N, C-alpha and C. Protein backbone atom coordinates (compact mmCIF):
# COMPACT_ATOMS: atom_id res chain seq x y z
N UNK A 1 -64.53 47.91 78.28
CA UNK A 1 -64.71 48.58 79.55
C UNK A 1 -63.34 48.95 80.11
N UNK A 2 -63.14 50.22 80.34
CA UNK A 2 -61.87 50.73 80.81
C UNK A 2 -61.92 50.87 82.34
N UNK A 3 -61.14 50.03 83.04
CA UNK A 3 -61.16 50.03 84.50
C UNK A 3 -60.41 51.22 85.10
N UNK A 4 -59.58 51.89 84.30
CA UNK A 4 -58.85 53.05 84.80
C UNK A 4 -59.80 54.18 85.19
N UNK A 5 -60.95 54.25 84.55
CA UNK A 5 -61.93 55.29 84.87
C UNK A 5 -62.56 55.06 86.25
N UNK A 6 -62.66 53.81 86.67
CA UNK A 6 -63.31 53.48 87.92
C UNK A 6 -62.35 53.41 89.10
N UNK A 7 -61.06 53.55 88.85
CA UNK A 7 -60.07 53.47 89.91
C UNK A 7 -60.27 54.54 90.99
N UNK A 8 -60.52 55.81 90.66
CA UNK A 8 -60.76 56.80 91.72
C UNK A 8 -62.01 56.48 92.55
N UNK A 9 -63.05 55.99 91.91
CA UNK A 9 -64.27 55.66 92.64
C UNK A 9 -64.01 54.48 93.57
N UNK A 10 -63.32 53.47 93.08
CA UNK A 10 -63.00 52.31 93.89
C UNK A 10 -62.11 52.71 95.07
N UNK A 11 -61.13 53.57 94.81
CA UNK A 11 -60.25 54.05 95.87
C UNK A 11 -61.04 54.84 96.91
N UNK A 12 -61.98 55.67 96.47
CA UNK A 12 -62.82 56.43 97.38
C UNK A 12 -63.66 55.51 98.28
N UNK A 13 -64.23 54.48 97.68
CA UNK A 13 -65.04 53.52 98.44
C UNK A 13 -64.17 52.78 99.45
N UNK A 14 -62.99 52.34 99.04
CA UNK A 14 -62.11 51.62 99.95
C UNK A 14 -61.63 52.49 101.11
N UNK A 15 -61.30 53.73 100.83
CA UNK A 15 -60.87 54.65 101.89
C UNK A 15 -62.05 54.92 102.84
N UNK A 16 -63.24 55.08 102.30
CA UNK A 16 -64.42 55.28 103.15
C UNK A 16 -64.69 54.10 104.05
N UNK A 17 -64.60 52.91 103.51
CA UNK A 17 -64.79 51.71 104.33
C UNK A 17 -63.69 51.61 105.38
N UNK A 18 -62.46 51.91 104.98
CA UNK A 18 -61.35 51.86 105.92
C UNK A 18 -61.51 52.85 107.06
N UNK A 19 -61.93 54.06 106.75
CA UNK A 19 -62.12 55.08 107.79
C UNK A 19 -63.25 54.68 108.73
N UNK A 20 -64.25 53.98 108.22
CA UNK A 20 -65.36 53.57 109.06
C UNK A 20 -65.10 52.30 109.85
N UNK A 21 -64.35 51.38 109.30
CA UNK A 21 -64.20 50.06 109.92
C UNK A 21 -62.92 49.95 110.75
N UNK A 22 -61.81 50.47 110.27
CA UNK A 22 -60.52 50.29 110.94
C UNK A 22 -60.53 50.84 112.38
N UNK A 23 -61.03 52.05 112.65
CA UNK A 23 -61.05 52.50 114.05
C UNK A 23 -61.91 51.62 114.96
N UNK A 24 -62.99 51.11 114.44
CA UNK A 24 -63.84 50.23 115.27
C UNK A 24 -63.12 48.92 115.58
N UNK A 25 -62.46 48.36 114.60
CA UNK A 25 -61.74 47.11 114.82
C UNK A 25 -60.58 47.33 115.78
N UNK A 26 -59.84 48.43 115.62
CA UNK A 26 -58.73 48.73 116.53
C UNK A 26 -59.23 48.96 117.95
N UNK A 27 -60.33 49.65 118.09
CA UNK A 27 -60.88 49.88 119.42
C UNK A 27 -61.34 48.59 120.07
N UNK A 28 -61.90 47.71 119.28
CA UNK A 28 -62.35 46.42 119.82
C UNK A 28 -61.17 45.54 120.23
N UNK A 29 -60.11 45.56 119.42
CA UNK A 29 -58.96 44.72 119.71
C UNK A 29 -58.05 45.29 120.81
N UNK A 30 -57.84 46.58 120.81
CA UNK A 30 -56.88 47.19 121.71
C UNK A 30 -57.49 47.82 122.96
N UNK A 31 -58.78 48.08 122.93
CA UNK A 31 -59.42 48.76 124.05
C UNK A 31 -59.68 47.84 125.23
N UNK A 32 -59.63 48.40 126.44
CA UNK A 32 -59.90 47.58 127.63
C UNK A 32 -61.39 47.25 127.74
N UNK A 33 -61.68 46.08 128.26
CA UNK A 33 -63.06 45.66 128.49
C UNK A 33 -63.21 45.45 129.99
N UNK A 34 -63.72 46.49 130.65
CA UNK A 34 -63.90 46.42 132.10
C UNK A 34 -65.28 46.95 132.46
N UNK A 35 -66.32 46.17 132.20
CA UNK A 35 -67.66 46.67 132.56
C UNK A 35 -67.82 46.74 134.07
N UNK A 36 -68.49 47.76 134.53
CA UNK A 36 -68.81 47.89 135.95
C UNK A 36 -70.22 48.48 136.07
N UNK A 37 -70.66 48.69 137.28
CA UNK A 37 -72.03 49.17 137.49
C UNK A 37 -72.23 50.57 136.92
N UNK A 38 -71.20 51.39 136.92
CA UNK A 38 -71.33 52.75 136.39
C UNK A 38 -71.51 52.75 134.88
N UNK A 39 -70.78 51.90 134.18
CA UNK A 39 -70.90 51.82 132.73
C UNK A 39 -72.24 51.24 132.30
N UNK A 40 -72.82 50.38 133.09
CA UNK A 40 -74.08 49.75 132.74
C UNK A 40 -75.29 50.50 133.31
N UNK A 41 -75.06 51.63 133.97
CA UNK A 41 -76.16 52.40 134.55
C UNK A 41 -76.84 53.24 133.47
N UNK A 42 -78.04 53.77 133.76
CA UNK A 42 -78.72 54.62 132.78
C UNK A 42 -77.88 55.85 132.47
N UNK A 43 -77.79 56.17 131.21
CA UNK A 43 -76.99 57.32 130.82
C UNK A 43 -77.90 58.52 130.64
N UNK A 44 -78.23 58.88 129.43
CA UNK A 44 -79.10 60.01 129.18
C UNK A 44 -80.52 59.59 128.82
N UNK A 45 -80.72 58.35 128.52
CA UNK A 45 -82.04 57.92 128.08
C UNK A 45 -82.98 57.73 129.26
N UNK A 46 -82.47 57.59 130.48
CA UNK A 46 -83.30 57.55 131.65
C UNK A 46 -83.80 56.19 132.06
N UNK A 47 -83.45 55.15 131.38
CA UNK A 47 -83.88 53.81 131.81
C UNK A 47 -82.70 52.86 131.79
N UNK A 48 -82.84 51.76 132.49
CA UNK A 48 -81.76 50.79 132.61
C UNK A 48 -81.38 50.23 131.25
N UNK A 49 -80.10 49.99 131.06
CA UNK A 49 -79.62 49.54 129.75
C UNK A 49 -79.98 48.09 129.46
N UNK A 50 -80.02 47.27 130.49
CA UNK A 50 -80.25 45.84 130.27
C UNK A 50 -81.45 45.39 131.08
N UNK A 51 -82.63 45.57 130.51
CA UNK A 51 -83.87 45.13 131.13
C UNK A 51 -84.77 44.56 130.06
N UNK A 52 -86.01 44.33 130.44
CA UNK A 52 -87.00 43.80 129.52
C UNK A 52 -87.24 44.79 128.38
N UNK A 53 -87.33 44.30 127.17
CA UNK A 53 -87.53 45.16 126.00
C UNK A 53 -88.94 45.76 125.97
N UNK A 54 -89.86 45.20 126.74
CA UNK A 54 -91.24 45.68 126.73
C UNK A 54 -91.56 46.62 127.88
N UNK A 55 -90.55 47.12 128.55
CA UNK A 55 -90.79 48.00 129.69
C UNK A 55 -91.22 49.39 129.22
N UNK A 56 -91.89 50.13 130.08
CA UNK A 56 -92.30 51.49 129.77
C UNK A 56 -91.10 52.42 129.94
N UNK A 57 -91.04 53.45 129.10
CA UNK A 57 -89.96 54.42 129.21
C UNK A 57 -90.51 55.81 128.99
N UNK A 58 -89.75 56.80 129.41
CA UNK A 58 -90.16 58.18 129.31
C UNK A 58 -89.91 58.70 127.90
N UNK A 59 -90.95 59.23 127.28
CA UNK A 59 -90.86 59.68 125.90
C UNK A 59 -90.28 61.09 125.81
N UNK A 60 -90.26 61.81 126.92
CA UNK A 60 -89.81 63.21 126.88
C UNK A 60 -88.38 63.36 126.36
N UNK A 61 -87.52 62.42 126.71
CA UNK A 61 -86.14 62.49 126.22
C UNK A 61 -86.11 62.47 124.70
N UNK A 62 -86.86 61.58 124.11
CA UNK A 62 -86.87 61.45 122.65
C UNK A 62 -87.56 62.64 122.00
N UNK A 63 -88.58 63.20 122.66
CA UNK A 63 -89.25 64.37 122.13
C UNK A 63 -88.30 65.56 122.08
N UNK A 64 -87.56 65.78 123.15
CA UNK A 64 -86.60 66.88 123.17
C UNK A 64 -85.51 66.65 122.13
N UNK A 65 -85.06 65.41 121.98
CA UNK A 65 -84.02 65.10 120.98
C UNK A 65 -84.52 65.37 119.57
N UNK A 66 -85.75 64.97 119.28
CA UNK A 66 -86.31 65.20 117.93
C UNK A 66 -86.49 66.68 117.68
N UNK A 67 -86.96 67.42 118.67
CA UNK A 67 -87.12 68.87 118.50
C UNK A 67 -85.76 69.54 118.29
N UNK A 68 -84.74 69.09 119.00
CA UNK A 68 -83.41 69.65 118.80
C UNK A 68 -82.94 69.41 117.37
N UNK A 69 -83.11 68.19 116.89
CA UNK A 69 -82.68 67.87 115.52
C UNK A 69 -83.47 68.71 114.52
N UNK A 70 -84.76 68.86 114.73
CA UNK A 70 -85.60 69.63 113.83
C UNK A 70 -85.13 71.08 113.74
N UNK A 71 -84.98 71.74 114.90
CA UNK A 71 -84.58 73.15 114.87
C UNK A 71 -83.12 73.32 114.47
N UNK A 72 -82.28 72.37 114.78
CA UNK A 72 -80.89 72.43 114.35
C UNK A 72 -80.79 72.32 112.84
N UNK A 73 -81.58 71.45 112.25
CA UNK A 73 -81.58 71.29 110.80
C UNK A 73 -82.11 72.54 110.12
N UNK A 74 -83.13 73.14 110.70
CA UNK A 74 -83.67 74.37 110.12
C UNK A 74 -82.63 75.49 110.14
N UNK A 75 -81.87 75.58 111.20
CA UNK A 75 -80.83 76.61 111.28
C UNK A 75 -79.72 76.33 110.28
N UNK A 76 -79.48 75.06 109.99
CA UNK A 76 -78.43 74.72 109.01
C UNK A 76 -78.76 75.26 107.62
N UNK A 77 -80.05 75.48 107.34
CA UNK A 77 -80.43 76.06 106.05
C UNK A 77 -80.02 77.52 105.93
N UNK A 78 -79.70 78.17 107.04
CA UNK A 78 -79.33 79.58 107.00
C UNK A 78 -77.90 79.80 106.50
N UNK A 79 -77.03 78.83 106.64
CA UNK A 79 -75.64 79.03 106.23
C UNK A 79 -75.49 79.24 104.72
N UNK A 80 -76.08 78.41 103.86
CA UNK A 80 -75.96 78.70 102.43
C UNK A 80 -76.61 80.03 102.05
N UNK A 81 -77.70 80.36 102.71
CA UNK A 81 -78.37 81.63 102.44
C UNK A 81 -77.46 82.80 102.82
N UNK A 82 -76.78 82.70 103.96
CA UNK A 82 -75.91 83.78 104.40
C UNK A 82 -74.72 83.96 103.46
N UNK A 83 -74.23 82.88 102.90
CA UNK A 83 -73.10 82.97 101.97
C UNK A 83 -73.54 83.65 100.68
N UNK A 84 -74.75 83.34 100.23
CA UNK A 84 -75.23 83.88 98.95
C UNK A 84 -76.17 85.06 99.14
N UNK A 85 -76.07 85.77 100.25
CA UNK A 85 -77.02 86.85 100.54
C UNK A 85 -76.99 87.96 99.49
N UNK A 86 -75.82 88.31 98.99
CA UNK A 86 -75.74 89.36 97.97
C UNK A 86 -76.37 88.93 96.65
N UNK A 87 -76.31 87.63 96.37
CA UNK A 87 -76.83 87.13 95.10
C UNK A 87 -78.34 86.93 95.09
N UNK A 88 -78.95 86.69 96.24
CA UNK A 88 -80.39 86.39 96.27
C UNK A 88 -81.25 87.63 96.25
N UNK A 89 -80.71 88.76 96.65
CA UNK A 89 -81.44 90.02 96.59
C UNK A 89 -82.55 90.13 97.62
N UNK A 90 -83.47 91.05 97.36
CA UNK A 90 -84.54 91.34 98.32
C UNK A 90 -85.54 90.19 98.42
N UNK A 91 -85.80 89.52 97.30
CA UNK A 91 -86.75 88.41 97.32
C UNK A 91 -86.22 87.27 98.18
N UNK A 92 -84.95 86.96 98.04
CA UNK A 92 -84.35 85.91 98.86
C UNK A 92 -84.29 86.29 100.32
N UNK A 93 -84.04 87.57 100.58
CA UNK A 93 -84.00 88.04 101.97
C UNK A 93 -85.36 87.88 102.63
N UNK A 94 -86.41 88.35 101.97
CA UNK A 94 -87.74 88.28 102.58
C UNK A 94 -88.27 86.85 102.62
N UNK A 95 -87.86 86.03 101.70
CA UNK A 95 -88.25 84.61 101.76
C UNK A 95 -87.68 83.96 103.02
N UNK A 96 -86.43 84.25 103.34
CA UNK A 96 -85.83 83.69 104.54
C UNK A 96 -86.43 84.31 105.79
N UNK A 97 -86.85 85.57 105.73
CA UNK A 97 -87.52 86.18 106.88
C UNK A 97 -88.85 85.48 107.16
N UNK A 98 -89.58 85.12 106.12
CA UNK A 98 -90.82 84.35 106.30
C UNK A 98 -90.50 82.98 106.87
N UNK A 99 -89.46 82.34 106.36
CA UNK A 99 -89.01 81.05 106.87
C UNK A 99 -88.66 81.14 108.36
N UNK A 100 -87.91 82.16 108.75
CA UNK A 100 -87.55 82.33 110.15
C UNK A 100 -88.77 82.65 111.01
N UNK A 101 -89.72 83.41 110.45
CA UNK A 101 -90.95 83.69 111.18
C UNK A 101 -91.72 82.43 111.50
N UNK A 102 -91.85 81.54 110.51
CA UNK A 102 -92.52 80.26 110.72
C UNK A 102 -91.75 79.42 111.74
N UNK A 103 -90.45 79.45 111.66
CA UNK A 103 -89.62 78.72 112.61
C UNK A 103 -89.80 79.24 114.03
N UNK A 104 -89.86 80.55 114.19
CA UNK A 104 -90.04 81.14 115.52
C UNK A 104 -91.44 80.82 116.04
N UNK A 105 -92.45 80.87 115.19
CA UNK A 105 -93.81 80.52 115.62
C UNK A 105 -93.85 79.07 116.10
N UNK A 106 -93.20 78.15 115.38
CA UNK A 106 -93.15 76.76 115.80
C UNK A 106 -92.41 76.58 117.11
N UNK A 107 -91.33 77.32 117.28
CA UNK A 107 -90.55 77.24 118.51
C UNK A 107 -91.36 77.76 119.70
N UNK A 108 -92.04 78.89 119.53
CA UNK A 108 -92.86 79.45 120.61
C UNK A 108 -94.01 78.50 120.94
N UNK A 109 -94.61 77.89 119.93
CA UNK A 109 -95.69 76.93 120.16
C UNK A 109 -95.21 75.75 121.00
N UNK A 110 -94.05 75.20 120.64
CA UNK A 110 -93.50 74.08 121.41
C UNK A 110 -93.15 74.51 122.83
N UNK A 111 -92.66 75.71 122.98
CA UNK A 111 -92.29 76.22 124.29
C UNK A 111 -93.54 76.38 125.17
N UNK A 112 -94.61 76.98 124.60
CA UNK A 112 -95.84 77.19 125.35
C UNK A 112 -96.54 75.88 125.69
N UNK A 113 -96.42 74.89 124.84
CA UNK A 113 -97.02 73.58 125.10
C UNK A 113 -96.25 72.80 126.16
N UNK A 114 -95.04 73.24 126.48
CA UNK A 114 -94.25 72.58 127.50
C UNK A 114 -93.41 71.43 126.98
N UNK A 115 -93.23 71.35 125.68
CA UNK A 115 -92.45 70.24 125.12
C UNK A 115 -90.97 70.37 125.45
N UNK A 116 -90.52 71.56 125.78
CA UNK A 116 -89.11 71.75 126.09
C UNK A 116 -88.81 71.71 127.58
N UNK A 117 -89.85 71.55 128.41
CA UNK A 117 -89.66 71.48 129.85
C UNK A 117 -89.21 70.10 130.24
N UNK A 118 -88.25 70.03 131.14
CA UNK A 118 -87.77 68.75 131.64
C UNK A 118 -88.08 68.70 133.13
N UNK A 119 -88.98 67.82 133.50
CA UNK A 119 -89.44 67.76 134.89
C UNK A 119 -88.75 66.67 135.64
């Protein structure tokens, strides 16, 4: 077994772990810890940060977040298509037009149902 072949993979894994762990450790060690009422107040989720785990919460925030992720991911599929537009030809173009049509129908449906309204 030749370990020289695995050196780049091992180095990649170590650098990845370092990039993920070192900033967190440095922030924990060097960052100030000054909790106050503003930091512990509800942020975007709409409910108190430190309460009973069985309390009721508003689902609309999560619904809007999931819809954003869904439509954002669908739009991300357009970038590779746009780069390869000359190579895919007419069939690829019309396939993406059908895809966008379905996406627009889903978006209009969610809009009409009121899933995007924030009351």
